N, C-alpha and C. Protein backbone atom coordinates (compact mmCIF):
# COMPACT_ATOMS: atom_id res chain seq x y z
N MET A 1 60.70 7.67 -13.47
CA MET A 1 61.41 8.91 -13.68
C MET A 1 60.46 10.07 -13.40
N GLN A 2 60.97 11.05 -12.72
CA GLN A 2 60.19 12.21 -12.34
C GLN A 2 60.13 13.22 -13.48
N ASN A 3 58.93 13.73 -13.75
CA ASN A 3 58.78 14.76 -14.77
C ASN A 3 59.06 16.12 -14.16
N ILE A 4 59.93 16.87 -14.80
CA ILE A 4 60.27 18.21 -14.35
C ILE A 4 59.95 19.17 -15.48
N ALA A 5 59.23 20.21 -15.15
CA ALA A 5 58.92 21.23 -16.15
C ALA A 5 60.18 22.01 -16.48
N TYR A 6 60.30 22.38 -17.73
CA TYR A 6 61.48 23.14 -18.18
C TYR A 6 61.69 24.39 -17.34
N SER A 7 60.60 25.05 -17.00
CA SER A 7 60.70 26.29 -16.22
C SER A 7 61.23 26.05 -14.81
N GLN A 8 61.19 24.80 -14.36
CA GLN A 8 61.67 24.47 -13.01
C GLN A 8 63.16 24.14 -12.97
N ILE A 9 63.77 24.01 -14.12
CA ILE A 9 65.18 23.67 -14.15
C ILE A 9 66.00 24.91 -13.83
N ALA A 10 66.78 24.80 -12.80
CA ALA A 10 67.62 25.92 -12.39
C ALA A 10 69.00 25.37 -12.06
N VAL A 11 70.01 26.06 -12.51
CA VAL A 11 71.38 25.67 -12.20
C VAL A 11 72.13 26.90 -11.72
N GLU A 12 73.11 26.66 -10.90
CA GLU A 12 73.92 27.75 -10.38
C GLU A 12 74.88 28.24 -11.47
N THR A 13 75.05 29.52 -11.54
CA THR A 13 75.99 30.10 -12.49
C THR A 13 77.40 29.95 -11.94
N PRO A 14 78.24 29.22 -12.66
CA PRO A 14 79.60 29.03 -12.15
C PRO A 14 80.46 30.27 -12.36
N THR A 15 81.46 30.41 -11.52
CA THR A 15 82.45 31.47 -11.72
C THR A 15 83.73 30.81 -12.17
N PHE A 16 84.55 31.57 -12.85
CA PHE A 16 85.83 31.01 -13.29
C PHE A 16 86.67 30.60 -12.09
N ASP A 17 86.68 31.42 -11.05
CA ASP A 17 87.49 31.10 -9.87
C ASP A 17 87.06 29.79 -9.23
N SER A 18 85.74 29.56 -9.11
CA SER A 18 85.28 28.32 -8.50
C SER A 18 85.64 27.12 -9.38
N LEU A 19 85.45 27.26 -10.69
CA LEU A 19 85.81 26.17 -11.60
C LEU A 19 87.31 25.90 -11.58
N GLN A 20 88.09 26.97 -11.62
CA GLN A 20 89.54 26.82 -11.64
C GLN A 20 90.02 26.11 -10.37
N GLY A 21 89.41 26.43 -9.24
CA GLY A 21 89.79 25.77 -7.99
C GLY A 21 89.57 24.27 -8.05
N VAL A 22 88.43 23.86 -8.58
CA VAL A 22 88.14 22.43 -8.70
C VAL A 22 89.08 21.78 -9.70
N TYR A 23 89.35 22.45 -10.80
CA TYR A 23 90.26 21.89 -11.80
C TYR A 23 91.68 21.75 -11.24
N LEU A 24 92.10 22.70 -10.44
CA LEU A 24 93.43 22.58 -9.82
C LEU A 24 93.47 21.39 -8.86
N GLU A 25 92.39 21.17 -8.12
CA GLU A 25 92.31 19.99 -7.26
C GLU A 25 92.38 18.71 -8.09
N LEU A 26 91.69 18.71 -9.22
CA LEU A 26 91.71 17.53 -10.10
C LEU A 26 93.10 17.29 -10.66
N GLU A 27 93.78 18.36 -11.06
CA GLU A 27 95.14 18.21 -11.58
C GLU A 27 96.05 17.62 -10.50
N SER A 28 95.86 18.06 -9.27
CA SER A 28 96.66 17.52 -8.17
C SER A 28 96.34 16.05 -7.96
N ALA A 29 95.05 15.71 -8.00
CA ALA A 29 94.64 14.30 -7.82
C ALA A 29 95.17 13.43 -8.95
N LEU A 30 95.30 14.00 -10.13
CA LEU A 30 95.81 13.23 -11.27
C LEU A 30 97.33 13.12 -11.26
N GLY A 31 97.97 13.70 -10.25
CA GLY A 31 99.42 13.56 -10.11
C GLY A 31 99.84 12.13 -9.83
N VAL A 32 98.90 11.35 -9.34
CA VAL A 32 99.15 9.94 -9.06
C VAL A 32 99.30 9.20 -10.39
N THR A 33 100.34 8.39 -10.49
CA THR A 33 100.51 7.63 -11.74
C THR A 33 100.73 6.15 -11.48
N ASP A 34 100.48 5.72 -10.25
CA ASP A 34 100.76 4.31 -9.96
C ASP A 34 99.56 3.56 -9.38
N SER A 35 98.39 4.20 -9.35
CA SER A 35 97.23 3.55 -8.76
C SER A 35 95.97 3.92 -9.53
N THR A 36 95.22 2.91 -9.92
CA THR A 36 94.02 3.11 -10.71
C THR A 36 92.90 3.78 -9.91
N GLY A 37 92.74 3.42 -8.65
CA GLY A 37 91.64 3.93 -7.84
C GLY A 37 91.57 5.44 -7.76
N PRO A 38 92.63 6.12 -7.31
CA PRO A 38 92.58 7.58 -7.25
C PRO A 38 92.42 8.24 -8.62
N LEU A 39 93.04 7.67 -9.63
CA LEU A 39 92.90 8.23 -10.99
C LEU A 39 91.45 8.11 -11.47
N SER A 40 90.86 6.95 -11.25
CA SER A 40 89.49 6.72 -11.66
C SER A 40 88.53 7.65 -10.91
N ALA A 41 88.78 7.86 -9.63
CA ALA A 41 87.94 8.77 -8.83
C ALA A 41 88.06 10.21 -9.35
N ALA A 42 89.26 10.61 -9.71
CA ALA A 42 89.47 11.97 -10.25
C ALA A 42 88.76 12.13 -11.59
N VAL A 43 88.81 11.12 -12.43
CA VAL A 43 88.14 11.19 -13.73
C VAL A 43 86.63 11.25 -13.53
N THR A 44 86.11 10.51 -12.58
CA THR A 44 84.68 10.54 -12.29
C THR A 44 84.26 11.93 -11.81
N ARG A 45 85.07 12.52 -10.95
CA ARG A 45 84.78 13.87 -10.45
C ARG A 45 84.84 14.89 -11.60
N TRP A 46 85.83 14.73 -12.47
CA TRP A 46 85.95 15.61 -13.63
C TRP A 46 84.73 15.48 -14.54
N ASP A 47 84.30 14.25 -14.78
CA ASP A 47 83.13 14.02 -15.62
C ASP A 47 81.89 14.67 -15.03
N THR A 48 81.71 14.57 -13.73
CA THR A 48 80.58 15.20 -13.06
C THR A 48 80.63 16.72 -13.22
N LEU A 49 81.81 17.28 -13.03
CA LEU A 49 82.00 18.73 -13.19
C LEU A 49 81.67 19.17 -14.61
N ARG A 50 82.14 18.42 -15.58
CA ARG A 50 81.88 18.75 -16.99
C ARG A 50 80.39 18.68 -17.30
N ARG A 51 79.72 17.66 -16.77
CA ARG A 51 78.28 17.52 -17.01
C ARG A 51 77.50 18.68 -16.39
N GLU A 52 77.89 19.09 -15.20
CA GLU A 52 77.23 20.22 -14.54
C GLU A 52 77.42 21.50 -15.36
N TYR A 53 78.63 21.70 -15.84
CA TYR A 53 78.90 22.90 -16.64
C TYR A 53 78.12 22.85 -17.95
N GLU A 54 78.06 21.69 -18.58
CA GLU A 54 77.31 21.56 -19.83
C GLU A 54 75.82 21.81 -19.61
N THR A 55 75.30 21.37 -18.48
CA THR A 55 73.90 21.63 -18.16
C THR A 55 73.66 23.13 -18.06
N TYR A 56 74.53 23.81 -17.32
CA TYR A 56 74.45 25.27 -17.21
C TYR A 56 74.53 25.92 -18.60
N SER A 57 75.51 25.52 -19.38
CA SER A 57 75.74 26.11 -20.69
C SER A 57 74.55 25.88 -21.62
N SER A 58 73.99 24.69 -21.61
CA SER A 58 72.84 24.38 -22.46
C SER A 58 71.61 25.17 -22.05
N LEU A 59 71.41 25.32 -20.76
CA LEU A 59 70.27 26.08 -20.28
C LEU A 59 70.37 27.55 -20.69
N VAL A 60 71.56 28.11 -20.56
CA VAL A 60 71.78 29.50 -20.99
C VAL A 60 71.48 29.63 -22.48
N HIS A 61 71.98 28.69 -23.26
CA HIS A 61 71.76 28.71 -24.71
C HIS A 61 70.27 28.63 -25.03
N LEU A 62 69.55 27.71 -24.39
CA LEU A 62 68.13 27.55 -24.66
C LEU A 62 67.32 28.79 -24.29
N HIS A 63 67.64 29.37 -23.14
CA HIS A 63 66.93 30.58 -22.74
C HIS A 63 67.12 31.69 -23.78
N PHE A 64 68.35 31.87 -24.22
CA PHE A 64 68.62 32.91 -25.21
C PHE A 64 67.89 32.63 -26.52
N GLU A 65 67.91 31.38 -26.94
CA GLU A 65 67.24 31.01 -28.20
C GLU A 65 65.74 31.23 -28.10
N GLN A 66 65.17 31.06 -26.91
CA GLN A 66 63.73 31.26 -26.73
C GLN A 66 63.33 32.72 -26.85
N ASP A 67 64.16 33.60 -26.29
CA ASP A 67 63.82 35.01 -26.29
C ASP A 67 65.10 35.84 -26.38
N THR A 68 65.47 36.20 -27.58
CA THR A 68 66.71 36.94 -27.79
C THR A 68 66.59 38.39 -27.32
N ARG A 69 65.37 38.84 -27.04
CA ARG A 69 65.17 40.22 -26.58
C ARG A 69 65.27 40.34 -25.06
N ASN A 70 65.28 39.23 -24.34
CA ASN A 70 65.35 39.26 -22.89
C ASN A 70 66.77 39.63 -22.47
N LEU A 71 66.90 40.77 -21.80
CA LEU A 71 68.21 41.29 -21.44
C LEU A 71 68.96 40.35 -20.49
N ALA A 72 68.27 39.73 -19.56
CA ALA A 72 68.92 38.81 -18.62
C ALA A 72 69.47 37.60 -19.36
N TYR A 73 68.71 37.09 -20.32
CA TYR A 73 69.18 35.94 -21.11
C TYR A 73 70.38 36.32 -21.97
N LYS A 74 70.33 37.53 -22.51
CA LYS A 74 71.44 37.99 -23.34
C LYS A 74 72.71 38.16 -22.51
N GLN A 75 72.58 38.73 -21.33
CA GLN A 75 73.74 38.91 -20.45
C GLN A 75 74.30 37.56 -19.99
N ALA A 76 73.40 36.62 -19.70
CA ALA A 76 73.85 35.29 -19.31
C ALA A 76 74.61 34.62 -20.45
N ARG A 77 74.13 34.79 -21.67
CA ARG A 77 74.81 34.22 -22.83
C ARG A 77 76.19 34.85 -23.02
N GLU A 78 76.27 36.17 -22.87
CA GLU A 78 77.55 36.85 -23.02
C GLU A 78 78.54 36.38 -21.95
N TYR A 79 78.07 36.21 -20.73
CA TYR A 79 78.93 35.73 -19.66
C TYR A 79 79.42 34.31 -19.97
N ARG A 80 78.49 33.46 -20.40
CA ARG A 80 78.85 32.09 -20.74
C ARG A 80 79.83 32.05 -21.91
N ASP A 81 79.60 32.91 -22.90
CA ASP A 81 80.49 32.95 -24.06
C ASP A 81 81.91 33.35 -23.67
N ALA A 82 82.04 34.24 -22.70
CA ALA A 82 83.37 34.66 -22.24
C ALA A 82 84.01 33.58 -21.37
N LEU A 83 83.19 32.82 -20.67
CA LEU A 83 83.69 31.77 -19.77
C LEU A 83 84.10 30.51 -20.52
N ASP A 84 83.39 30.18 -21.57
CA ASP A 84 83.62 28.92 -22.30
C ASP A 84 85.08 28.66 -22.70
N PRO A 85 85.76 29.60 -23.35
CA PRO A 85 87.14 29.31 -23.75
C PRO A 85 88.06 29.03 -22.56
N LYS A 86 87.80 29.68 -21.44
CA LYS A 86 88.61 29.42 -20.25
C LYS A 86 88.36 28.02 -19.71
N VAL A 87 87.12 27.58 -19.77
CA VAL A 87 86.78 26.21 -19.33
C VAL A 87 87.37 25.19 -20.29
N ILE A 88 87.36 25.51 -21.57
CA ILE A 88 87.98 24.61 -22.56
C ILE A 88 89.47 24.46 -22.26
N GLU A 89 90.11 25.55 -21.89
CA GLU A 89 91.54 25.47 -21.55
C GLU A 89 91.75 24.57 -20.33
N LEU A 90 90.91 24.72 -19.31
CA LEU A 90 91.02 23.87 -18.11
C LEU A 90 90.80 22.41 -18.47
N ASP A 91 89.80 22.15 -19.30
CA ASP A 91 89.53 20.77 -19.75
C ASP A 91 90.70 20.21 -20.54
N THR A 92 91.28 21.03 -21.39
CA THR A 92 92.41 20.58 -22.22
C THR A 92 93.60 20.19 -21.34
N ARG A 93 93.82 20.94 -20.28
CA ARG A 93 94.93 20.59 -19.37
C ARG A 93 94.68 19.22 -18.72
N ILE A 94 93.45 18.96 -18.33
CA ILE A 94 93.11 17.66 -17.74
C ILE A 94 93.31 16.55 -18.78
N LYS A 95 92.85 16.78 -19.99
CA LYS A 95 92.99 15.77 -21.04
C LYS A 95 94.46 15.47 -21.31
N ARG A 96 95.30 16.49 -21.30
CA ARG A 96 96.73 16.26 -21.52
C ARG A 96 97.33 15.41 -20.40
N LEU A 97 96.88 15.65 -19.18
CA LEU A 97 97.36 14.82 -18.06
C LEU A 97 96.91 13.37 -18.24
N LEU A 98 95.67 13.19 -18.66
CA LEU A 98 95.14 11.83 -18.84
C LEU A 98 95.83 11.11 -20.00
N LEU A 99 96.28 11.86 -20.99
CA LEU A 99 96.96 11.25 -22.14
C LEU A 99 98.41 10.86 -21.85
N ASP A 100 98.92 11.30 -20.72
CA ASP A 100 100.27 10.89 -20.33
C ASP A 100 100.32 9.37 -20.30
N PRO A 101 101.34 8.77 -20.90
CA PRO A 101 101.40 7.31 -21.01
C PRO A 101 101.27 6.57 -19.67
N ALA A 102 101.83 7.10 -18.60
CA ALA A 102 101.75 6.42 -17.29
C ALA A 102 100.31 6.35 -16.79
N ARG A 103 99.53 7.39 -17.04
CA ARG A 103 98.12 7.38 -16.62
C ARG A 103 97.27 6.61 -17.62
N ARG A 104 97.59 6.79 -18.87
CA ARG A 104 96.80 6.15 -19.92
C ARG A 104 96.80 4.64 -19.79
N VAL A 105 97.94 4.07 -19.50
CA VAL A 105 98.02 2.61 -19.39
C VAL A 105 97.14 2.09 -18.24
N LEU A 106 96.95 2.90 -17.22
CA LEU A 106 96.09 2.49 -16.10
C LEU A 106 94.61 2.71 -16.40
N LEU A 107 94.30 3.78 -17.11
CA LEU A 107 92.90 4.16 -17.32
C LEU A 107 92.27 3.62 -18.60
N GLU A 108 93.07 3.34 -19.60
CA GLU A 108 92.50 2.90 -20.88
C GLU A 108 91.67 1.62 -20.75
N PRO A 109 92.08 0.64 -19.93
CA PRO A 109 91.23 -0.55 -19.77
C PRO A 109 89.87 -0.22 -19.13
N ILE A 110 89.80 0.85 -18.37
CA ILE A 110 88.55 1.23 -17.70
C ILE A 110 87.70 2.12 -18.60
N LEU A 111 88.33 3.11 -19.22
CA LEU A 111 87.60 4.11 -20.00
C LEU A 111 87.48 3.76 -21.48
N GLY A 112 88.34 2.90 -21.96
CA GLY A 112 88.30 2.50 -23.35
C GLY A 112 89.20 3.35 -24.24
N GLN A 113 89.58 2.80 -25.37
CA GLN A 113 90.45 3.48 -26.31
C GLN A 113 89.79 4.69 -26.95
N GLN A 114 88.47 4.62 -27.15
CA GLN A 114 87.77 5.70 -27.84
C GLN A 114 87.88 7.03 -27.09
N ALA A 115 87.77 7.00 -25.77
CA ALA A 115 87.88 8.23 -24.99
C ALA A 115 89.25 8.87 -25.22
N PHE A 116 90.27 8.06 -25.21
CA PHE A 116 91.63 8.60 -25.40
C PHE A 116 91.84 9.08 -26.83
N ALA A 117 91.25 8.40 -27.79
CA ALA A 117 91.36 8.85 -29.18
C ALA A 117 90.67 10.21 -29.35
N LEU A 118 89.51 10.37 -28.73
CA LEU A 118 88.82 11.66 -28.80
C LEU A 118 89.63 12.76 -28.13
N TRP A 119 90.19 12.47 -26.96
CA TRP A 119 90.98 13.48 -26.25
C TRP A 119 92.23 13.86 -27.03
N GLU A 120 92.84 12.88 -27.69
CA GLU A 120 94.02 13.19 -28.51
C GLU A 120 93.65 14.18 -29.61
N ALA A 121 92.50 13.98 -30.22
CA ALA A 121 92.07 14.89 -31.28
C ALA A 121 91.71 16.26 -30.70
N GLU A 122 91.05 16.28 -29.56
CA GLU A 122 90.60 17.54 -28.97
C GLU A 122 91.75 18.42 -28.49
N VAL A 123 92.78 17.83 -27.92
CA VAL A 123 93.88 18.67 -27.40
C VAL A 123 94.66 19.34 -28.53
N THR A 124 94.58 18.78 -29.72
CA THR A 124 95.30 19.39 -30.84
C THR A 124 94.54 20.58 -31.43
N THR A 125 93.25 20.71 -31.07
CA THR A 125 92.45 21.77 -31.66
C THR A 125 92.32 23.00 -30.77
N PHE A 126 92.98 23.00 -29.62
CA PHE A 126 92.87 24.15 -28.74
C PHE A 126 94.24 24.66 -28.35
N ASN A 127 94.36 25.98 -28.44
CA ASN A 127 95.55 26.68 -27.97
C ASN A 127 95.03 27.93 -27.26
N PRO A 128 95.54 28.24 -26.08
CA PRO A 128 95.03 29.41 -25.35
C PRO A 128 95.04 30.72 -26.14
N VAL A 129 95.88 30.83 -27.15
CA VAL A 129 95.93 32.08 -27.92
C VAL A 129 94.66 32.33 -28.73
N ILE A 130 93.82 31.31 -28.92
CA ILE A 130 92.59 31.50 -29.70
C ILE A 130 91.39 31.85 -28.83
N GLN A 131 91.58 32.03 -27.52
CA GLN A 131 90.45 32.30 -26.63
C GLN A 131 89.65 33.53 -27.05
N ASP A 132 90.34 34.62 -27.37
CA ASP A 132 89.63 35.83 -27.78
C ASP A 132 88.85 35.61 -29.08
N ASP A 133 89.41 34.82 -29.97
CA ASP A 133 88.72 34.50 -31.22
C ASP A 133 87.46 33.68 -30.96
N LEU A 134 87.53 32.75 -30.00
CA LEU A 134 86.35 31.95 -29.66
C LEU A 134 85.25 32.82 -29.06
N VAL A 135 85.63 33.78 -28.24
CA VAL A 135 84.64 34.70 -27.67
C VAL A 135 84.01 35.52 -28.79
N ARG A 136 84.81 36.01 -29.71
CA ARG A 136 84.30 36.81 -30.84
C ARG A 136 83.37 35.96 -31.71
N GLU A 137 83.74 34.71 -31.94
CA GLU A 137 82.90 33.82 -32.72
C GLU A 137 81.53 33.65 -32.05
N SER A 138 81.52 33.50 -30.74
CA SER A 138 80.26 33.36 -30.00
C SER A 138 79.43 34.64 -30.08
N GLU A 139 80.09 35.78 -30.02
CA GLU A 139 79.38 37.06 -30.15
C GLU A 139 78.71 37.15 -31.52
N LEU A 140 79.42 36.77 -32.55
CA LEU A 140 78.86 36.81 -33.90
C LEU A 140 77.69 35.84 -34.03
N ASP A 141 77.81 34.68 -33.42
CA ASP A 141 76.73 33.69 -33.44
C ASP A 141 75.48 34.27 -32.76
N SER A 142 75.68 34.95 -31.64
CA SER A 142 74.56 35.57 -30.93
C SER A 142 73.90 36.65 -31.79
N GLN A 143 74.72 37.46 -32.44
CA GLN A 143 74.17 38.51 -33.30
C GLN A 143 73.36 37.91 -34.45
N TYR A 144 73.85 36.84 -35.00
CA TYR A 144 73.15 36.16 -36.10
C TYR A 144 71.81 35.61 -35.62
N THR A 145 71.82 34.99 -34.44
CA THR A 145 70.58 34.46 -33.87
C THR A 145 69.58 35.57 -33.63
N GLU A 146 70.04 36.69 -33.09
CA GLU A 146 69.16 37.84 -32.85
C GLU A 146 68.60 38.38 -34.17
N LEU A 147 69.45 38.44 -35.18
CA LEU A 147 69.02 38.94 -36.49
C LEU A 147 67.92 38.05 -37.07
N LEU A 148 68.12 36.74 -37.02
CA LEU A 148 67.11 35.82 -37.53
C LEU A 148 65.81 35.93 -36.75
N ALA A 149 65.93 36.05 -35.43
CA ALA A 149 64.74 36.14 -34.58
C ALA A 149 63.96 37.43 -34.82
N SER A 150 64.64 38.48 -35.26
CA SER A 150 63.98 39.77 -35.45
C SER A 150 63.33 39.92 -36.83
N ALA A 151 63.52 38.95 -37.69
CA ALA A 151 62.96 39.05 -39.04
C ALA A 151 61.43 39.10 -38.99
N LYS A 152 60.85 40.05 -39.67
CA LYS A 152 59.40 40.20 -39.76
C LYS A 152 59.03 40.24 -41.24
N LEU A 153 58.09 39.38 -41.60
CA LEU A 153 57.67 39.28 -42.99
C LEU A 153 56.17 39.48 -43.08
N SER A 154 55.74 40.33 -43.98
CA SER A 154 54.31 40.49 -44.23
C SER A 154 53.94 39.48 -45.30
N PHE A 155 53.01 38.58 -44.96
CA PHE A 155 52.63 37.54 -45.90
C PHE A 155 51.18 37.16 -45.65
N ASP A 156 50.41 37.13 -46.70
CA ASP A 156 49.01 36.72 -46.64
C ASP A 156 48.24 37.57 -45.62
N GLY A 157 48.59 38.85 -45.57
CA GLY A 157 47.89 39.78 -44.69
C GLY A 157 48.26 39.68 -43.22
N GLU A 158 49.27 38.93 -42.91
CA GLU A 158 49.69 38.77 -41.51
C GLU A 158 51.18 39.01 -41.38
N GLN A 159 51.58 39.37 -40.18
CA GLN A 159 53.00 39.53 -39.86
C GLN A 159 53.55 38.15 -39.47
N GLN A 160 54.60 37.70 -40.14
CA GLN A 160 55.20 36.39 -39.88
C GLN A 160 56.66 36.56 -39.48
N ASN A 161 57.17 35.57 -38.79
CA ASN A 161 58.62 35.50 -38.57
C ASN A 161 59.12 34.27 -39.31
N LEU A 162 60.41 33.99 -39.22
CA LEU A 162 60.96 32.88 -40.00
C LEU A 162 60.41 31.52 -39.56
N SER A 163 60.04 31.40 -38.29
CA SER A 163 59.49 30.13 -37.82
C SER A 163 58.06 29.93 -38.31
N THR A 164 57.25 30.97 -38.23
CA THR A 164 55.85 30.80 -38.58
C THR A 164 55.60 30.77 -40.08
N ILE A 165 56.51 31.30 -40.87
CA ILE A 165 56.31 31.31 -42.32
C ILE A 165 56.45 29.90 -42.91
N THR A 166 57.14 29.02 -42.21
CA THR A 166 57.37 27.67 -42.74
C THR A 166 56.08 26.87 -42.90
N LYS A 167 55.03 27.23 -42.16
CA LYS A 167 53.77 26.49 -42.29
C LYS A 167 53.19 26.61 -43.71
N PHE A 168 53.56 27.65 -44.44
CA PHE A 168 53.04 27.86 -45.78
C PHE A 168 53.69 26.93 -46.82
N ARG A 169 54.74 26.24 -46.43
CA ARG A 169 55.35 25.27 -47.35
C ARG A 169 54.42 24.08 -47.59
N GLN A 170 53.52 23.84 -46.68
CA GLN A 170 52.63 22.69 -46.77
C GLN A 170 51.23 23.03 -47.28
N VAL A 171 51.00 24.27 -47.62
CA VAL A 171 49.69 24.70 -48.11
C VAL A 171 49.40 24.04 -49.45
N ALA A 172 48.15 23.63 -49.65
CA ALA A 172 47.78 22.94 -50.88
C ALA A 172 47.85 23.86 -52.10
N ASP A 173 47.58 25.13 -51.93
CA ASP A 173 47.59 26.10 -53.03
C ASP A 173 49.01 26.36 -53.50
N ARG A 174 49.31 25.88 -54.70
CA ARG A 174 50.66 26.00 -55.25
C ARG A 174 51.07 27.45 -55.40
N GLY A 175 50.17 28.29 -55.82
CA GLY A 175 50.46 29.71 -55.98
C GLY A 175 50.83 30.37 -54.67
N LEU A 176 50.14 30.01 -53.61
CA LEU A 176 50.46 30.56 -52.29
C LEU A 176 51.84 30.08 -51.84
N ARG A 177 52.14 28.82 -52.09
CA ARG A 177 53.46 28.31 -51.73
C ARG A 177 54.54 29.08 -52.48
N TYR A 178 54.28 29.37 -53.75
CA TYR A 178 55.25 30.08 -54.56
C TYR A 178 55.46 31.48 -54.03
């Protein structure tokens, strides 16, 4: 396995239009209900698309968590936060198609019952009317992360943040720990 430095990981920023185009193609491909091959190929393509998006999303999250003051990271997080609910809606539409009994009977032997059980639970938890609420929730999460990252504590003659103050929990001096 090749070692890749974290700083070398780069992913393309997806646009909603590009994602929606691929999802529409997948929905069309899933129109087949009488052949396992095309359905399985569509599910594989969907899984690849989801993994690519999750990689992008995780990288944006990690960058922001590393430096909440970096304007580019903050803007990337805001963009991702606005995009996420739309992608969830696209994913939910695919899951509903896969849960259709005609497709399910063909795919369940390949994908297993657990995948379908998870999708059944997931489609019940999303409705497009909550998209704005999901964006607001992400905004609040970002603000909370920024607030925690900005905490400055004067302790033992030094300026500490919430991460560095934890080292004092292990100090032998009970009074200092207190």
